[in-house]
N, C-alpha and C. Protein backbone atom coordinates (compact mmCIF):
# COMPACT_ATOMS: atom_id res chain seq x y z
N UNK A 1 -70.91 98.71 -106.98
CA UNK A 1 -69.63 98.01 -107.02
C UNK A 1 -69.88 96.53 -106.87
N UNK A 2 -69.17 95.74 -107.64
CA UNK A 2 -69.33 94.29 -107.56
C UNK A 2 -67.98 93.62 -107.60
N UNK A 3 -67.91 92.41 -107.03
CA UNK A 3 -66.70 91.63 -107.06
C UNK A 3 -66.95 90.46 -108.01
N UNK A 4 -66.10 90.29 -108.98
CA UNK A 4 -66.30 89.20 -109.93
C UNK A 4 -64.98 88.78 -110.52
N UNK A 5 -64.98 87.63 -111.17
CA UNK A 5 -63.81 87.10 -111.84
C UNK A 5 -63.74 87.70 -113.24
N UNK A 6 -62.61 88.25 -113.67
CA UNK A 6 -62.53 88.82 -115.01
C UNK A 6 -62.72 87.75 -116.07
N UNK A 7 -63.43 88.08 -117.17
CA UNK A 7 -63.67 87.08 -118.20
C UNK A 7 -62.40 86.61 -118.88
N UNK A 8 -61.39 87.50 -119.01
CA UNK A 8 -60.13 87.15 -119.66
C UNK A 8 -59.00 87.53 -118.71
N UNK A 9 -58.12 86.59 -118.37
CA UNK A 9 -57.03 86.94 -117.45
C UNK A 9 -56.16 88.05 -118.04
N UNK A 10 -55.81 89.01 -117.20
CA UNK A 10 -54.96 90.10 -117.65
C UNK A 10 -53.52 89.62 -117.70
N UNK A 11 -52.79 89.91 -118.79
CA UNK A 11 -51.39 89.48 -118.88
C UNK A 11 -50.54 90.28 -117.91
N UNK A 12 -49.37 89.74 -117.54
CA UNK A 12 -48.49 90.49 -116.63
C UNK A 12 -48.04 91.80 -117.27
N UNK A 13 -47.77 92.77 -116.43
CA UNK A 13 -47.35 94.07 -116.93
C UNK A 13 -45.91 93.98 -117.42
N UNK A 14 -45.65 94.26 -118.71
CA UNK A 14 -44.29 94.15 -119.24
C UNK A 14 -43.42 95.28 -118.71
N UNK A 15 -42.11 95.07 -118.68
CA UNK A 15 -41.22 96.16 -118.25
C UNK A 15 -41.29 97.32 -119.24
N UNK A 16 -41.07 98.51 -118.74
CA UNK A 16 -41.15 99.70 -119.58
C UNK A 16 -40.02 99.67 -120.62
N UNK A 17 -40.40 100.05 -121.87
CA UNK A 17 -39.40 100.07 -122.94
C UNK A 17 -38.40 101.20 -122.74
N UNK A 18 -38.82 102.27 -122.12
CA UNK A 18 -37.96 103.41 -121.90
C UNK A 18 -37.90 103.71 -120.41
N UNK A 19 -36.86 104.36 -119.96
CA UNK A 19 -36.77 104.71 -118.54
C UNK A 19 -37.89 105.67 -118.16
N UNK A 20 -38.33 105.65 -116.89
CA UNK A 20 -39.42 106.54 -116.47
C UNK A 20 -39.03 108.00 -116.60
N UNK A 21 -40.05 108.83 -116.84
CA UNK A 21 -39.82 110.26 -116.94
C UNK A 21 -39.39 110.83 -115.60
N UNK A 22 -40.00 110.34 -114.53
CA UNK A 22 -39.65 110.80 -113.19
C UNK A 22 -39.52 109.59 -112.27
N UNK A 23 -38.59 109.62 -111.38
CA UNK A 23 -38.38 108.52 -110.45
C UNK A 23 -38.15 109.08 -109.05
N UNK A 24 -38.87 108.55 -108.07
CA UNK A 24 -38.76 109.01 -106.69
C UNK A 24 -38.38 107.82 -105.81
N UNK A 25 -37.61 108.08 -104.81
CA UNK A 25 -37.24 107.01 -103.88
C UNK A 25 -37.33 107.53 -102.46
N UNK A 26 -37.70 106.64 -101.56
CA UNK A 26 -37.80 106.99 -100.15
C UNK A 26 -37.24 105.88 -99.30
N UNK A 27 -37.59 105.88 -98.03
CA UNK A 27 -37.16 104.80 -97.16
C UNK A 27 -38.31 104.43 -96.24
N UNK A 28 -38.04 103.63 -95.20
CA UNK A 28 -39.10 103.13 -94.33
C UNK A 28 -39.82 104.25 -93.59
N UNK A 29 -39.16 105.38 -93.42
CA UNK A 29 -39.76 106.48 -92.66
C UNK A 29 -40.15 107.67 -93.51
N UNK A 30 -39.76 107.68 -94.77
CA UNK A 30 -40.01 108.82 -95.64
C UNK A 30 -40.69 108.37 -96.91
N UNK A 31 -41.90 108.88 -97.23
CA UNK A 31 -42.56 108.50 -98.48
C UNK A 31 -41.80 109.04 -99.68
N UNK A 32 -41.82 108.28 -100.76
CA UNK A 32 -41.14 108.72 -101.98
C UNK A 32 -41.90 109.88 -102.63
N UNK A 33 -43.20 109.92 -102.44
CA UNK A 33 -44.00 110.98 -103.04
C UNK A 33 -45.13 111.32 -102.09
N UNK A 34 -45.35 112.60 -101.85
CA UNK A 34 -46.39 113.05 -100.93
C UNK A 34 -47.13 114.21 -101.58
N UNK A 35 -48.41 113.99 -101.86
CA UNK A 35 -49.24 115.04 -102.46
C UNK A 35 -50.40 115.32 -101.53
N UNK A 36 -50.76 116.58 -101.37
CA UNK A 36 -51.80 116.94 -100.42
C UNK A 36 -52.67 118.06 -100.99
N UNK A 37 -53.99 117.90 -100.80
CA UNK A 37 -54.95 118.95 -101.13
C UNK A 37 -56.05 118.88 -100.08
N UNK A 38 -56.04 119.80 -99.15
CA UNK A 38 -56.98 119.76 -98.03
C UNK A 38 -58.26 120.54 -98.30
N UNK A 39 -58.40 121.11 -99.48
CA UNK A 39 -59.62 121.86 -99.80
C UNK A 39 -60.80 120.90 -99.90
N UNK A 40 -61.99 121.29 -99.44
CA UNK A 40 -63.17 120.41 -99.55
C UNK A 40 -63.40 119.97 -100.99
N UNK A 41 -63.41 118.67 -101.20
CA UNK A 41 -63.61 118.14 -102.55
C UNK A 41 -62.39 118.23 -103.42
N UNK A 42 -61.27 118.70 -102.88
CA UNK A 42 -60.05 118.84 -103.66
C UNK A 42 -59.42 117.50 -104.01
N UNK A 43 -58.67 117.47 -105.11
CA UNK A 43 -58.02 116.26 -105.58
C UNK A 43 -56.51 116.45 -105.48
N UNK A 44 -55.84 115.56 -104.77
CA UNK A 44 -54.40 115.67 -104.60
C UNK A 44 -53.64 115.20 -105.83
N UNK A 45 -54.19 114.24 -106.55
CA UNK A 45 -53.53 113.74 -107.75
C UNK A 45 -54.58 113.20 -108.71
N UNK A 46 -54.37 113.41 -109.99
CA UNK A 46 -55.28 112.91 -111.01
C UNK A 46 -54.47 112.17 -112.05
N UNK A 47 -54.81 110.90 -112.28
CA UNK A 47 -54.08 110.06 -113.21
C UNK A 47 -55.01 109.59 -114.32
N UNK A 48 -54.53 109.63 -115.55
CA UNK A 48 -55.29 109.15 -116.70
C UNK A 48 -54.54 108.00 -117.34
N UNK A 49 -55.17 106.84 -117.40
CA UNK A 49 -54.51 105.67 -117.94
C UNK A 49 -54.42 104.57 -116.90
N UNK A 50 -53.75 103.48 -117.25
CA UNK A 50 -53.61 102.35 -116.33
C UNK A 50 -52.59 102.68 -115.24
N UNK A 51 -52.85 102.18 -114.05
CA UNK A 51 -51.95 102.39 -112.92
C UNK A 51 -51.51 101.01 -112.41
N UNK A 52 -50.22 100.78 -112.36
CA UNK A 52 -49.69 99.50 -111.90
C UNK A 52 -49.11 99.67 -110.50
N UNK A 53 -49.51 98.79 -109.58
CA UNK A 53 -48.99 98.80 -108.22
C UNK A 53 -48.31 97.46 -107.97
N UNK A 54 -47.00 97.48 -107.72
CA UNK A 54 -46.24 96.25 -107.52
C UNK A 54 -46.00 95.99 -106.05
N UNK A 55 -46.87 96.49 -105.18
CA UNK A 55 -46.73 96.28 -103.75
C UNK A 55 -48.09 96.33 -103.09
N UNK A 56 -48.15 96.73 -101.86
CA UNK A 56 -49.41 96.82 -101.13
C UNK A 56 -50.01 98.21 -101.29
N UNK A 57 -51.27 98.25 -101.64
CA UNK A 57 -51.99 99.52 -101.77
C UNK A 57 -52.81 99.72 -100.49
N UNK A 58 -52.50 100.75 -99.75
CA UNK A 58 -53.18 101.03 -98.49
C UNK A 58 -54.04 102.28 -98.64
N UNK A 59 -55.32 102.14 -98.33
CA UNK A 59 -56.25 103.27 -98.41
C UNK A 59 -56.80 103.51 -97.01
N UNK A 60 -56.60 104.70 -96.47
CA UNK A 60 -57.06 104.99 -95.12
C UNK A 60 -58.40 105.75 -95.11
N UNK A 61 -58.96 105.99 -96.27
CA UNK A 61 -60.26 106.66 -96.36
C UNK A 61 -61.22 105.83 -97.17
N UNK A 62 -62.28 106.45 -97.66
CA UNK A 62 -63.26 105.75 -98.47
C UNK A 62 -62.71 105.49 -99.87
N UNK A 63 -63.18 104.41 -100.47
CA UNK A 63 -62.81 104.08 -101.85
C UNK A 63 -64.08 104.09 -102.68
N UNK A 64 -64.15 104.99 -103.64
CA UNK A 64 -65.32 105.10 -104.51
C UNK A 64 -64.97 104.48 -105.86
N UNK A 65 -65.75 103.52 -106.27
CA UNK A 65 -65.49 102.80 -107.53
C UNK A 65 -66.73 102.90 -108.42
N UNK A 66 -66.54 103.38 -109.65
CA UNK A 66 -67.66 103.51 -110.59
C UNK A 66 -67.71 102.33 -111.56
N UNK A 67 -66.81 101.38 -111.39
CA UNK A 67 -66.78 100.24 -112.29
C UNK A 67 -66.84 98.93 -111.53
N UNK A 68 -66.19 97.92 -112.08
CA UNK A 68 -66.19 96.59 -111.48
C UNK A 68 -64.83 96.31 -110.85
N UNK A 69 -64.85 95.72 -109.67
CA UNK A 69 -63.62 95.32 -109.00
C UNK A 69 -63.38 93.84 -109.30
N UNK A 70 -62.27 93.54 -109.97
CA UNK A 70 -61.93 92.16 -110.29
C UNK A 70 -60.97 91.61 -109.23
N UNK A 71 -61.25 90.42 -108.77
CA UNK A 71 -60.40 89.82 -107.74
C UNK A 71 -60.08 88.38 -108.14
N UNK A 72 -58.77 88.08 -108.33
CA UNK A 72 -58.34 86.72 -108.66
C UNK A 72 -57.82 85.99 -107.43
N UNK A 73 -57.75 86.69 -106.30
CA UNK A 73 -57.33 86.07 -105.05
C UNK A 73 -58.40 86.37 -104.01
N UNK A 74 -58.15 86.00 -102.76
CA UNK A 74 -59.13 86.20 -101.71
C UNK A 74 -59.41 87.68 -101.48
N UNK A 75 -60.67 87.99 -101.26
CA UNK A 75 -61.07 89.32 -100.84
C UNK A 75 -61.37 89.23 -99.34
N UNK A 76 -60.52 89.80 -98.52
CA UNK A 76 -60.64 89.68 -97.07
C UNK A 76 -61.46 90.86 -96.54
N UNK A 77 -62.61 90.56 -95.97
CA UNK A 77 -63.50 91.58 -95.47
C UNK A 77 -63.71 91.39 -93.97
N UNK A 78 -64.77 91.97 -93.43
CA UNK A 78 -65.04 91.88 -92.00
C UNK A 78 -65.75 90.58 -91.64
N UNK A 79 -66.61 90.66 -90.62
CA UNK A 79 -67.18 89.44 -90.04
C UNK A 79 -68.58 89.11 -90.52
N UNK A 80 -69.33 90.10 -91.04
CA UNK A 80 -70.71 89.81 -91.42
C UNK A 80 -71.10 90.59 -92.66
N UNK A 81 -72.18 90.14 -93.27
CA UNK A 81 -72.81 90.87 -94.37
C UNK A 81 -74.03 91.58 -93.80
N UNK A 82 -74.05 92.90 -93.93
CA UNK A 82 -75.11 93.69 -93.32
C UNK A 82 -75.82 94.52 -94.38
N UNK A 83 -76.98 95.03 -94.01
CA UNK A 83 -77.73 95.94 -94.89
C UNK A 83 -78.31 97.06 -94.04
N UNK A 84 -78.22 98.28 -94.57
CA UNK A 84 -78.75 99.44 -93.85
C UNK A 84 -80.28 99.42 -93.85
N UNK A 85 -80.87 99.69 -92.69
CA UNK A 85 -82.31 99.79 -92.54
C UNK A 85 -82.65 101.07 -91.79
N UNK A 86 -83.84 101.61 -92.05
CA UNK A 86 -84.34 102.74 -91.29
C UNK A 86 -84.69 102.28 -89.88
N UNK A 87 -84.35 103.11 -88.91
CA UNK A 87 -84.65 102.82 -87.51
C UNK A 87 -85.84 103.67 -87.07
N UNK A 88 -86.73 103.08 -86.28
CA UNK A 88 -87.89 103.82 -85.77
C UNK A 88 -87.40 105.09 -85.08
N UNK A 89 -87.95 106.25 -85.44
CA UNK A 89 -87.49 107.51 -84.86
C UNK A 89 -87.61 107.53 -83.33
N UNK A 90 -86.75 108.35 -82.74
CA UNK A 90 -86.77 108.59 -81.29
C UNK A 90 -86.46 107.33 -80.48
N UNK A 91 -85.65 106.45 -81.05
CA UNK A 91 -85.21 105.27 -80.30
C UNK A 91 -83.69 105.24 -80.28
N UNK A 92 -83.13 104.84 -79.15
CA UNK A 92 -81.68 104.74 -79.00
C UNK A 92 -81.27 103.29 -79.18
N UNK A 93 -80.61 103.01 -80.29
CA UNK A 93 -80.23 101.64 -80.63
C UNK A 93 -78.71 101.54 -80.66
N UNK A 94 -78.18 100.52 -79.99
CA UNK A 94 -76.74 100.28 -79.97
C UNK A 94 -76.40 99.06 -80.82
N UNK A 95 -75.15 98.99 -81.32
CA UNK A 95 -74.71 97.76 -81.98
C UNK A 95 -74.89 96.56 -81.06
N UNK A 96 -75.30 95.44 -81.64
CA UNK A 96 -75.56 94.23 -80.87
C UNK A 96 -77.02 94.04 -80.51
N UNK A 97 -77.86 95.04 -80.82
CA UNK A 97 -79.28 94.96 -80.47
C UNK A 97 -80.03 94.05 -81.44
N UNK A 98 -80.88 93.19 -80.91
CA UNK A 98 -81.72 92.33 -81.73
C UNK A 98 -82.91 93.16 -82.22
N UNK A 99 -83.13 93.16 -83.54
CA UNK A 99 -84.12 94.04 -84.14
C UNK A 99 -85.25 93.25 -84.81
N UNK A 100 -86.45 93.86 -84.79
CA UNK A 100 -87.61 93.28 -85.45
C UNK A 100 -88.21 94.32 -86.38
N UNK A 101 -88.95 93.85 -87.36
CA UNK A 101 -89.60 94.73 -88.33
C UNK A 101 -90.91 95.28 -87.77
N UNK A 102 -91.20 96.53 -88.13
CA UNK A 102 -92.50 97.11 -87.82
C UNK A 102 -93.38 97.01 -89.06
N UNK A 103 -94.63 97.41 -88.94
CA UNK A 103 -95.55 97.34 -90.07
C UNK A 103 -95.13 98.27 -91.21
N UNK A 104 -94.35 99.31 -90.90
CA UNK A 104 -93.90 100.25 -91.92
C UNK A 104 -92.59 99.82 -92.56
N UNK A 105 -92.00 98.73 -92.08
CA UNK A 105 -90.74 98.26 -92.63
C UNK A 105 -89.52 98.79 -91.92
N UNK A 106 -89.71 99.66 -90.92
CA UNK A 106 -88.60 100.14 -90.11
C UNK A 106 -88.20 99.07 -89.09
N UNK A 107 -87.12 99.33 -88.39
CA UNK A 107 -86.66 98.40 -87.37
C UNK A 107 -86.77 99.01 -85.98
N UNK A 108 -87.07 98.14 -85.02
CA UNK A 108 -87.06 98.53 -83.62
C UNK A 108 -86.55 97.34 -82.81
N UNK A 109 -86.12 97.60 -81.57
CA UNK A 109 -85.61 96.53 -80.72
C UNK A 109 -86.72 95.53 -80.40
N UNK A 110 -86.37 94.25 -80.35
CA UNK A 110 -87.35 93.22 -79.99
C UNK A 110 -87.83 93.45 -78.55
N UNK A 111 -89.06 93.03 -78.28
CA UNK A 111 -89.64 93.22 -76.96
C UNK A 111 -90.44 92.02 -76.48
N UNK A 112 -90.47 90.96 -77.26
CA UNK A 112 -91.22 89.77 -76.86
C UNK A 112 -90.50 88.52 -77.33
N UNK A 113 -90.81 87.41 -76.72
CA UNK A 113 -90.15 86.15 -77.07
C UNK A 113 -90.76 85.56 -78.34
N UNK A 114 -89.92 84.84 -79.09
CA UNK A 114 -90.34 84.11 -80.29
C UNK A 114 -91.06 85.03 -81.29
N UNK A 115 -90.50 86.21 -81.52
CA UNK A 115 -91.11 87.17 -82.44
C UNK A 115 -90.69 86.83 -83.87
N UNK A 116 -91.65 86.44 -84.71
CA UNK A 116 -91.35 86.06 -86.08
C UNK A 116 -91.04 87.24 -86.98
N UNK A 117 -91.14 88.43 -86.46
CA UNK A 117 -90.75 89.61 -87.23
C UNK A 117 -89.28 89.94 -87.04
N UNK A 118 -88.54 89.04 -86.37
CA UNK A 118 -87.12 89.29 -86.15
C UNK A 118 -86.40 89.42 -87.49
N UNK A 119 -85.48 90.39 -87.57
CA UNK A 119 -84.80 90.66 -88.84
C UNK A 119 -83.29 90.46 -88.75
N UNK A 120 -82.72 90.55 -87.55
CA UNK A 120 -81.27 90.39 -87.42
C UNK A 120 -80.74 91.15 -86.22
N UNK A 121 -79.43 91.40 -86.24
CA UNK A 121 -78.74 92.06 -85.14
C UNK A 121 -77.97 93.25 -85.70
N UNK A 122 -78.02 94.38 -85.00
CA UNK A 122 -77.27 95.54 -85.44
C UNK A 122 -75.77 95.23 -85.40
N UNK A 123 -75.11 95.44 -86.52
CA UNK A 123 -73.70 95.09 -86.67
C UNK A 123 -72.79 96.11 -85.99
N UNK A 124 -71.57 95.67 -85.66
CA UNK A 124 -70.55 96.60 -85.17
C UNK A 124 -70.22 96.51 -83.70
N UNK A 125 -70.85 95.61 -82.95
CA UNK A 125 -70.55 95.50 -81.52
C UNK A 125 -69.29 94.66 -81.31
N UNK A 126 -68.68 94.84 -80.13
CA UNK A 126 -67.51 94.05 -79.79
C UNK A 126 -66.37 94.23 -80.78
N UNK A 127 -65.69 93.14 -81.07
CA UNK A 127 -64.52 93.20 -81.95
C UNK A 127 -64.87 92.96 -83.41
N UNK A 128 -66.13 92.69 -83.72
CA UNK A 128 -66.53 92.39 -85.10
C UNK A 128 -67.03 93.65 -85.80
N UNK A 129 -66.70 93.76 -87.08
CA UNK A 129 -67.17 94.85 -87.92
C UNK A 129 -67.75 94.27 -89.20
N UNK A 130 -68.73 94.95 -89.79
CA UNK A 130 -69.31 94.41 -91.02
C UNK A 130 -68.29 94.37 -92.15
N UNK A 131 -68.33 93.29 -92.94
CA UNK A 131 -67.44 93.18 -94.08
C UNK A 131 -68.05 93.77 -95.33
N UNK A 132 -69.37 93.79 -95.39
CA UNK A 132 -70.07 94.30 -96.56
C UNK A 132 -71.38 94.91 -96.09
N UNK A 133 -71.65 96.15 -96.51
CA UNK A 133 -72.90 96.83 -96.14
C UNK A 133 -73.68 97.14 -97.42
N UNK A 134 -74.87 96.60 -97.50
CA UNK A 134 -75.75 96.82 -98.65
C UNK A 134 -76.76 97.93 -98.33
N UNK A 135 -77.38 98.45 -99.36
CA UNK A 135 -78.50 99.37 -99.19
C UNK A 135 -78.15 100.72 -98.61
N UNK A 136 -76.91 101.16 -98.79
CA UNK A 136 -76.52 102.47 -98.23
C UNK A 136 -77.06 103.58 -99.12
N UNK A 137 -77.92 104.40 -98.57
CA UNK A 137 -78.53 105.49 -99.33
C UNK A 137 -78.99 106.58 -98.36
N UNK A 138 -79.37 107.73 -98.90
CA UNK A 138 -79.83 108.83 -98.06
C UNK A 138 -81.24 108.55 -97.55
N UNK A 139 -81.48 108.95 -96.31
CA UNK A 139 -82.81 108.79 -95.72
C UNK A 139 -83.03 109.90 -94.72
N UNK A 140 -84.28 110.26 -94.54
CA UNK A 140 -84.62 111.27 -93.54
C UNK A 140 -84.57 110.69 -92.13
N UNK A 141 -84.53 109.35 -92.02
CA UNK A 141 -84.44 108.68 -90.73
C UNK A 141 -83.03 108.15 -90.51
N UNK A 142 -82.73 107.86 -89.26
CA UNK A 142 -81.46 107.23 -88.95
C UNK A 142 -81.45 105.83 -89.56
N UNK A 143 -80.33 105.46 -90.16
CA UNK A 143 -80.16 104.13 -90.73
C UNK A 143 -78.97 103.46 -90.05
N UNK A 144 -79.09 102.16 -89.82
CA UNK A 144 -78.01 101.40 -89.20
C UNK A 144 -77.84 100.07 -89.92
N UNK A 145 -76.61 99.52 -89.93
CA UNK A 145 -76.38 98.24 -90.62
C UNK A 145 -76.87 97.06 -89.79
N UNK A 146 -77.69 96.23 -90.40
CA UNK A 146 -78.25 95.05 -89.75
C UNK A 146 -77.55 93.82 -90.29
N UNK A 147 -76.92 93.05 -89.41
CA UNK A 147 -76.22 91.84 -89.83
C UNK A 147 -77.24 90.79 -90.26
N UNK A 148 -77.11 90.33 -91.49
CA UNK A 148 -78.03 89.34 -92.04
C UNK A 148 -77.44 87.94 -92.07
N UNK A 149 -76.12 87.86 -92.16
CA UNK A 149 -75.44 86.57 -92.19
C UNK A 149 -74.01 86.80 -91.73
N UNK A 150 -73.41 85.79 -91.10
CA UNK A 150 -72.04 85.90 -90.62
C UNK A 150 -71.97 85.96 -89.10
N UNK A 151 -70.81 86.39 -88.59
CA UNK A 151 -70.60 86.47 -87.15
C UNK A 151 -70.81 87.90 -86.67
N UNK A 152 -71.49 88.03 -85.53
CA UNK A 152 -71.78 89.35 -84.97
C UNK A 152 -71.91 89.20 -83.45
N UNK A 153 -71.52 90.23 -82.72
CA UNK A 153 -71.77 90.24 -81.28
C UNK A 153 -73.21 90.67 -81.03
N UNK A 154 -73.88 89.94 -80.15
CA UNK A 154 -75.32 90.12 -79.93
C UNK A 154 -75.60 90.24 -78.43
N UNK A 155 -76.52 91.11 -78.08
CA UNK A 155 -76.97 91.21 -76.70
C UNK A 155 -77.76 89.95 -76.36
N UNK A 156 -77.41 89.32 -75.26
CA UNK A 156 -78.09 88.08 -74.86
C UNK A 156 -78.46 88.16 -73.39
N UNK A 157 -79.54 87.47 -73.03
CA UNK A 157 -80.03 87.42 -71.66
C UNK A 157 -80.16 85.96 -71.24
N UNK A 158 -79.33 85.54 -70.28
CA UNK A 158 -79.35 84.15 -69.83
C UNK A 158 -80.20 83.96 -68.58
N UNK A 159 -80.98 84.97 -68.20
CA UNK A 159 -81.84 84.81 -67.03
C UNK A 159 -82.99 83.85 -67.31
N UNK A 160 -83.33 83.67 -68.58
CA UNK A 160 -84.41 82.74 -68.93
C UNK A 160 -83.90 81.30 -68.95
N UNK A 161 -82.62 81.14 -69.37
CA UNK A 161 -81.96 79.83 -69.37
C UNK A 161 -80.51 80.05 -69.76
N UNK A 162 -79.58 79.27 -69.17
CA UNK A 162 -78.18 79.41 -69.56
C UNK A 162 -78.01 79.12 -71.06
N UNK A 163 -77.06 79.79 -71.67
CA UNK A 163 -76.81 79.64 -73.09
C UNK A 163 -75.49 78.89 -73.28
N UNK A 164 -75.54 77.83 -74.08
CA UNK A 164 -74.35 77.06 -74.40
C UNK A 164 -73.98 77.26 -75.86
N UNK A 165 -72.72 76.96 -76.18
CA UNK A 165 -72.27 77.05 -77.57
C UNK A 165 -73.13 76.14 -78.45
N UNK A 166 -73.62 76.66 -79.54
CA UNK A 166 -74.45 75.88 -80.46
C UNK A 166 -75.93 76.01 -80.21
N UNK A 167 -76.34 76.63 -79.10
CA UNK A 167 -77.77 76.80 -78.83
C UNK A 167 -78.40 77.75 -79.85
N UNK A 168 -79.62 77.40 -80.26
CA UNK A 168 -80.38 78.31 -81.11
C UNK A 168 -80.88 79.47 -80.26
N UNK A 169 -80.86 80.66 -80.86
CA UNK A 169 -81.27 81.86 -80.15
C UNK A 169 -82.48 82.49 -80.81
N UNK A 170 -83.33 83.10 -80.00
CA UNK A 170 -84.52 83.78 -80.49
C UNK A 170 -84.67 85.09 -79.73
N UNK A 171 -85.72 85.84 -80.05
CA UNK A 171 -85.96 87.10 -79.35
C UNK A 171 -86.44 86.82 -77.93
N UNK A 172 -86.22 87.80 -77.05
CA UNK A 172 -86.65 87.65 -75.66
C UNK A 172 -87.49 88.85 -75.25
N UNK A 173 -88.17 88.77 -74.10
CA UNK A 173 -88.92 89.93 -73.60
C UNK A 173 -88.02 91.09 -73.16
N UNK A 174 -86.73 90.80 -72.94
CA UNK A 174 -85.79 91.87 -72.60
C UNK A 174 -85.51 92.67 -73.86
N UNK A 175 -85.83 93.95 -73.89
CA UNK A 175 -85.70 94.72 -75.14
C UNK A 175 -84.31 94.61 -75.76
N UNK A 176 -84.30 94.22 -77.03
CA UNK A 176 -83.06 94.16 -77.80
C UNK A 176 -82.16 92.99 -77.50
N UNK A 177 -82.62 92.02 -76.70
CA UNK A 177 -81.78 90.89 -76.30
C UNK A 177 -82.30 89.57 -76.87
N UNK A 178 -81.36 88.66 -77.07
CA UNK A 178 -81.70 87.30 -77.49
C UNK A 178 -81.73 86.38 -76.27
N UNK A 179 -82.40 85.26 -76.42
CA UNK A 179 -82.40 84.23 -75.39
C UNK A 179 -82.33 82.86 -76.06
N UNK A 180 -82.05 81.83 -75.29
CA UNK A 180 -81.99 80.48 -75.82
C UNK A 180 -83.40 79.99 -76.16
N UNK A 181 -83.50 79.27 -77.27
CA UNK A 181 -84.77 78.67 -77.65
C UNK A 181 -85.11 77.56 -76.66
N UNK A 182 -86.25 77.70 -75.99
CA UNK A 182 -86.70 76.70 -75.02
C UNK A 182 -87.86 75.87 -75.56
N UNK A 183 -88.60 76.43 -76.50
CA UNK A 183 -89.76 75.74 -77.07
C UNK A 183 -89.61 75.72 -78.59
N UNK A 184 -89.09 74.63 -79.15
CA UNK A 184 -88.86 74.57 -80.60
C UNK A 184 -90.13 74.77 -81.41
N UNK A 185 -91.28 74.45 -80.86
CA UNK A 185 -92.53 74.62 -81.60
C UNK A 185 -92.87 76.08 -81.83
N UNK A 186 -92.34 76.96 -81.00
CA UNK A 186 -92.57 78.40 -81.16
C UNK A 186 -91.46 79.09 -81.96
N UNK A 187 -90.34 78.39 -82.15
CA UNK A 187 -89.15 79.04 -82.70
C UNK A 187 -89.13 79.14 -84.21
N UNK A 188 -89.97 78.36 -84.90
CA UNK A 188 -89.93 78.38 -86.37
C UNK A 188 -90.24 79.78 -86.87
N UNK A 189 -89.30 80.35 -87.65
CA UNK A 189 -89.47 81.70 -88.17
C UNK A 189 -89.00 82.78 -87.22
N UNK A 190 -88.55 82.38 -86.02
CA UNK A 190 -88.12 83.36 -85.02
C UNK A 190 -86.71 83.12 -84.53
N UNK A 191 -85.94 82.28 -85.23
CA UNK A 191 -84.57 81.98 -84.82
C UNK A 191 -83.63 83.03 -85.41
N UNK A 192 -82.75 83.56 -84.56
CA UNK A 192 -81.76 84.55 -84.99
C UNK A 192 -80.50 83.86 -85.50
N UNK A 193 -80.04 82.87 -84.75
CA UNK A 193 -78.82 82.17 -85.11
C UNK A 193 -78.35 81.26 -84.00
N UNK A 194 -77.04 80.94 -84.00
CA UNK A 194 -76.47 80.03 -83.02
C UNK A 194 -75.43 80.75 -82.17
N UNK A 195 -75.41 80.42 -80.89
CA UNK A 195 -74.43 81.00 -79.97
C UNK A 195 -73.05 80.42 -80.24
N UNK A 196 -72.04 81.30 -80.24
CA UNK A 196 -70.65 80.88 -80.42
C UNK A 196 -69.86 80.94 -79.11
N UNK A 197 -70.52 81.39 -78.05
CA UNK A 197 -69.88 81.47 -76.75
C UNK A 197 -70.95 81.28 -75.68
N UNK A 198 -70.63 80.60 -74.59
CA UNK A 198 -71.64 80.37 -73.56
C UNK A 198 -71.89 81.62 -72.73
N UNK A 199 -73.07 81.67 -72.13
CA UNK A 199 -73.42 82.71 -71.16
C UNK A 199 -74.23 82.02 -70.07
N UNK A 200 -73.62 81.88 -68.91
CA UNK A 200 -74.24 81.11 -67.83
C UNK A 200 -75.37 81.86 -67.13
N UNK A 201 -75.18 83.17 -66.97
CA UNK A 201 -76.17 83.95 -66.23
C UNK A 201 -76.06 85.41 -66.61
N UNK A 202 -77.14 86.15 -66.36
CA UNK A 202 -77.13 87.59 -66.57
C UNK A 202 -77.20 87.98 -68.04
N UNK A 203 -76.81 89.23 -68.30
CA UNK A 203 -76.85 89.78 -69.64
C UNK A 203 -75.44 90.15 -70.10
N UNK A 204 -75.18 89.93 -71.38
CA UNK A 204 -73.86 90.27 -71.91
C UNK A 204 -73.91 90.21 -73.43
N UNK A 205 -72.85 90.74 -74.05
CA UNK A 205 -72.66 90.57 -75.48
C UNK A 205 -71.94 89.26 -75.73
N UNK A 206 -72.47 88.44 -76.61
CA UNK A 206 -71.80 87.20 -76.99
C UNK A 206 -71.76 87.10 -78.50
N UNK A 207 -70.72 86.47 -79.06
CA UNK A 207 -70.69 86.28 -80.51
C UNK A 207 -71.66 85.20 -80.93
N UNK A 208 -72.36 85.46 -82.01
CA UNK A 208 -73.29 84.47 -82.56
C UNK A 208 -73.07 84.34 -84.06
N UNK A 209 -73.55 83.26 -84.60
CA UNK A 209 -73.55 83.07 -86.05
C UNK A 209 -74.98 83.34 -86.53
N UNK A 210 -75.16 84.43 -87.25
CA UNK A 210 -76.50 84.82 -87.70
C UNK A 210 -76.98 83.82 -88.75
N UNK A 211 -78.14 83.25 -88.52
CA UNK A 211 -78.74 82.31 -89.46
C UNK A 211 -80.25 82.36 -89.23
N UNK A 212 -80.90 83.33 -89.85
CA UNK A 212 -82.34 83.48 -89.67
C UNK A 212 -83.07 82.27 -90.21
N UNK A 213 -84.01 81.77 -89.43
CA UNK A 213 -84.81 80.61 -89.88
C UNK A 213 -86.10 80.51 -89.10
């Protein structure tokens, strides 16, 4: 699925030349049309041809698209762009965990400071949710979305130094936690992003702006 601008603007939908074959009406509490098929893989409605929606289209489940999604206005998504990665087996990883790459390409929680194998932060902690998840596919291992860019809640440890808004963050010896960069000479290639909220002491989840560098 891709988001792109259509090459030719679509003309407005003209009014129907003839009255509709069927017309349904409802109110604020009663749907005009309700179709249900609870069988596994069942289809409640099948439409062939163009479908015009002159209001808000609300989907409470998954949306599967085999073509291109054209958007001429804003596409409002979540807080970060993430990609699914395999997680090292037999490890318990929570959203907000700072992750590093292993030699096999899997991810595990960071365990040392200024680790240049840092890859990002597991998305979905706090009030932020991923807006776009790439690389979703079947795997024999557990896979989790890793925030690569955008805003994400991250586990942070201020016992090494207080964290202020705008501070660069890197990996810390506390498993899965970030800390403030104290030595810029060691931080090149090991920066996770910038803090968006201060943390004076202890450990907590704080929002950060992911910007690997």
